[in-house]
Every structure is written in structure tokens, then in C-alpha cells.
Protein backbone atom coordinates (compact mmCIF):
# COMPACT_ATOMS: atom_id res chain seq x y z
CA MET A 1 1.84 10.33 4.52
CA PHE A 2 5.45 10.84 5.53
CA ARG A 3 7.27 14.17 5.52
CA PRO A 4 10.93 13.75 4.43
CA LEU A 5 12.09 16.65 6.62
CA ASP A 6 10.47 15.13 9.71
CA LEU A 7 12.08 11.77 8.94
CA ARG A 8 15.48 13.42 8.64
CA ARG A 9 15.01 15.17 11.98
CA GLU A 10 14.01 11.89 13.62
CA SER A 11 17.03 10.06 12.19
CA ARG A 12 19.30 12.79 13.59
CA LYS A 13 17.64 12.57 17.01
CA SER A 14 17.66 8.77 17.20
CA LYS A 15 20.69 7.29 18.94
CA ASN A 16 20.03 3.88 17.35
CA PRO A 17 20.82 4.10 13.62
CA ARG A 18 20.43 0.34 13.22
CA GLN A 19 16.73 0.60 14.15
CA HIS A 20 16.26 3.40 11.60
CA MET A 21 17.93 1.27 8.90
CA LYS A 22 15.69 -1.68 9.79
CA ALA A 23 12.58 0.48 9.32
CA GLY A 24 13.87 1.70 5.95
CA VAL A 25 14.62 -1.84 4.77
CA LEU A 26 11.15 -3.00 5.85
CA ALA A 27 9.49 -0.13 3.97
CA TRP A 28 11.61 -0.84 0.87
CA GLY A 29 10.83 -4.56 1.05
CA SER A 30 7.07 -4.01 1.29
CA LEU A 31 7.24 -1.58 -1.64
CA THR A 32 9.09 -4.04 -3.87
CA LEU A 33 6.78 -6.87 -2.77
CA THR A 34 3.64 -4.95 -3.71
CA TYR A 35 5.28 -3.89 -6.98
CA PHE A 36 6.06 -7.48 -7.96
CA LEU A 37 2.63 -8.73 -6.87
CA THR A 38 0.80 -6.10 -8.93
CA GLY A 39 3.16 -6.77 -11.84
CA ASP A 40 2.30 -10.48 -11.76
CA ARG A 41 -1.41 -9.66 -11.74
CA ASN A 42 -1.03 -7.35 -14.73
CA ILE A 43 0.59 -10.18 -16.70
């Protein structure tokens, strides 16, 4: 599991914010994908 504080520290340390954004978008996308897939199954 992720720790929000650790993630914030890492984002501050990282000199490549674009890479951090990409990781966030990927995580968000997978979350929404699983949500929609489970939603379709429930229907």
C-alpha cells in the first residue's frame, strides 16, 4: 500500500514532474478501468 506522505516527499525530490504526472495518470486510468469493468459485471 502507498503512504501519501512518502509520495509527497518523492514528488518534491523528483526533478522530472512529467514522469510523476504520467504515473498518476496511469494509476487513475487503471482505477477507472477496473471500476467500469466491475460495474459492467454487476449489471
